[in-house]
Protein backbone atom coordinates (compact mmCIF):
# COMPACT_ATOMS: atom_id res chain seq x y z
CA MET A 1 11.45 0.79 -13.08
CA GLN A 2 9.84 2.97 -10.52
CA ASP A 3 12.04 5.63 -8.90
CA LEU A 4 12.12 4.24 -5.25
CA SER A 5 13.82 7.35 -4.02
CA GLN A 6 10.40 8.88 -4.18
CA PHE A 7 9.12 6.38 -1.48
CA LYS A 8 9.79 6.83 2.05
CA PHE A 9 7.99 3.73 3.45
CA LYS A 10 8.86 0.13 2.99
CA TYR A 11 7.49 -3.00 4.60
CA PRO A 12 8.88 -6.60 4.38
CA ILE A 13 6.62 -9.20 2.77
CA GLN A 14 6.30 -12.47 4.42
CA MET A 15 5.19 -14.67 1.76
CA ARG A 16 3.45 -17.86 2.57
CA TRP A 17 3.31 -21.16 0.87
CA LYS A 18 -0.44 -20.53 0.62
CA ASP A 19 0.43 -17.31 -1.40
CA MET A 20 1.46 -19.53 -4.47
CA ASP A 21 -0.47 -20.66 -7.24
CA ALA A 22 -0.04 -23.67 -9.47
CA LEU A 23 2.66 -21.96 -11.42
CA GLY A 24 4.85 -21.54 -8.42
CA HIS A 25 4.40 -17.69 -8.11
CA VAL A 26 2.51 -15.52 -6.03
CA ASN A 27 -1.09 -15.46 -7.07
CA ASN A 28 -2.27 -12.13 -8.46
CA ALA A 29 -5.00 -11.62 -5.88
CA VAL A 30 -2.46 -12.01 -3.10
CA TYR A 31 -0.69 -8.61 -4.11
CA ILE A 32 -3.67 -6.87 -2.89
CA THR A 33 -3.37 -8.42 0.69
CA TYR A 34 0.30 -7.35 0.56
CA PHE A 35 -0.85 -3.75 -0.17
CA GLU A 36 -3.32 -4.13 2.60
CA VAL A 37 -0.88 -5.32 5.19
CA ALA A 38 1.66 -2.57 4.27
CA ARG A 39 -1.05 0.16 4.20
CA GLY A 40 -1.85 -0.69 8.08
CA TYR A 41 1.53 -0.25 9.00
CA TYR A 42 2.12 2.90 6.68
CA MET A 43 -0.81 4.60 8.24
CA MET A 44 0.28 3.92 11.79
CA GLU A 45 3.67 5.43 10.86
CA ALA A 46 2.54 8.38 8.66
CA ALA A 47 -0.61 9.25 10.88
CA PRO A 48 0.26 8.09 14.28
CA GLY A 49 -2.70 9.82 15.91
CA TRP A 50 -5.03 7.76 13.73
CA ASP A 51 -7.88 6.13 15.81
CA TRP A 52 -9.47 3.23 13.82
CA HIS A 53 -12.50 3.05 16.12
CA LYS A 54 -13.20 6.77 15.29
CA HIS A 55 -11.86 7.23 11.85
CA MET A 56 -12.36 5.02 8.92
CA PHE A 57 -11.97 4.95 5.16
CA LEU A 58 -13.17 2.60 2.49
CA ILE A 59 -11.17 1.23 -0.43
CA ALA A 60 -13.02 2.87 -3.44
CA ASN A 61 -10.61 1.38 -6.14
CA VAL A 62 -7.72 -0.96 -6.47
CA GLU A 63 -5.33 -1.20 -9.38
CA VAL A 64 -2.52 -3.53 -9.88
CA ALA A 65 0.02 -3.76 -12.67
CA TYR A 66 1.87 -7.09 -12.79
CA GLN A 67 5.34 -6.89 -14.19
CA LYS A 68 7.39 -10.01 -13.02
CA GLU A 69 6.45 -13.16 -11.31
CA LEU A 70 7.37 -13.25 -7.48
CA ARG A 71 8.40 -16.50 -6.19
CA LEU A 72 8.71 -17.93 -2.58
CA SER A 73 12.49 -18.04 -2.91
CA ALA A 74 12.50 -14.11 -3.54
CA SER A 75 15.12 -12.22 -1.50
CA LYS A 76 14.18 -9.18 0.47
CA ALA A 77 10.57 -9.05 -0.95
CA GLU A 78 9.22 -5.70 0.10
CA VAL A 79 6.20 -3.23 -0.47
CA TRP A 80 7.25 0.04 -1.00
CA MET A 81 4.45 2.84 -0.77
CA ARG A 82 3.65 6.48 -0.45
CA THR A 83 0.47 8.87 -0.58
CA SER A 84 0.42 10.08 -4.23
CA LYS A 85 -2.68 12.34 -4.10
CA ILE A 86 -4.98 13.94 -1.52
CA GLY A 87 -8.37 15.22 -2.62
CA ASN A 88 -11.34 16.39 -0.70
CA LYS A 89 -12.89 13.09 0.59
CA SER A 90 -10.29 10.64 -0.77
CA PHE A 91 -6.57 10.05 -1.05
CA GLU A 92 -4.49 7.74 -3.07
CA LEU A 93 -1.79 5.48 -2.08
CA GLU A 94 0.84 4.02 -4.55
CA TYR A 95 2.57 0.78 -3.97
CA VAL A 96 5.53 -0.96 -5.74
CA VAL A 97 6.44 -4.60 -4.77
CA VAL A 98 10.09 -5.53 -5.17
CA SER A 99 12.69 -8.01 -4.30
CA GLU A 100 16.48 -8.45 -4.75
CA VAL A 101 18.03 -10.65 -7.60
CA LYS A 102 21.75 -10.74 -7.64
CA GLY A 103 22.11 -7.39 -5.94
CA GLN A 104 19.55 -5.79 -8.25
CA THR A 105 16.28 -4.35 -7.32
CA VAL A 106 13.39 -6.15 -9.38
CA VAL A 107 9.82 -4.68 -9.66
CA HIS A 108 7.07 -7.56 -9.52
CA ALA A 109 4.19 -5.30 -9.46
CA SER A 110 2.91 -1.72 -8.85
CA GLY A 111 -0.42 -0.27 -7.93
CA THR A 112 -2.69 2.13 -6.24
CA THR A 113 -5.67 2.20 -4.03
CA VAL A 114 -8.14 5.05 -3.41
CA GLN A 115 -9.39 5.58 0.06
CA VAL A 116 -12.48 7.41 0.74
CA MET A 117 -13.18 8.76 4.24
CA PHE A 118 -16.25 7.27 5.82
CA ASP A 119 -18.28 8.31 8.90
CA LEU A 120 -19.25 5.27 10.92
CA GLN A 121 -22.30 6.96 12.58
CA THR A 122 -23.93 8.34 9.44
CA LYS A 123 -22.59 5.79 7.20
CA LYS A 124 -21.65 8.53 4.63
CA THR A 125 -18.64 9.73 3.01
CA THR A 126 -16.91 12.72 4.76
CA GLU A 127 -14.26 15.27 4.10
CA ILE A 128 -10.58 14.28 4.97
CA HIS A 129 -9.88 15.85 8.30
CA ASN A 130 -7.09 18.54 8.22
CA TRP A 131 -5.06 16.36 10.76
CA VAL A 132 -4.98 13.47 8.42
CA ARG A 133 -4.10 15.80 5.32
CA GLU A 134 -1.50 17.60 7.39
CA GLY A 135 -0.03 14.38 8.67
CA LEU A 136 0.16 12.75 5.35
CA THR A 137 1.62 15.64 3.72
CA ALA A 138 4.33 16.04 6.56
CA TYR A 139 5.23 12.42 6.44
CA GLU A 140 5.73 12.59 2.49
CA ASN A 141 7.76 15.77 2.71
């Protein structure tokens, strides 16, 4: 199991009936939506000065490892996340989707996304601004 003590941020999952597939558990593609929603709230908390109209990133890669089915009846379903790497033009976020079963934390999936900084004017990748690097680093430490 992932060491959740390494994660500072968590966000509750609000599962919807439409998230389920024919087998009665969350469809594999929906986990990426859970990552997306949590990422928005994480960025607002970790880098509160972020202006989405001026500074943008693109998702360059998404990886998900599915470990145990997540059902609509799950208790305390959450996405835990953190910044795991920061490069020159990109940074990696790590996610763990968990719930509680009989007082025990169960990991349903884990994954990563790689965000590449993007200049909306030039339509080209750009270096990570120092305030982004410093903000994410300070938040995680």
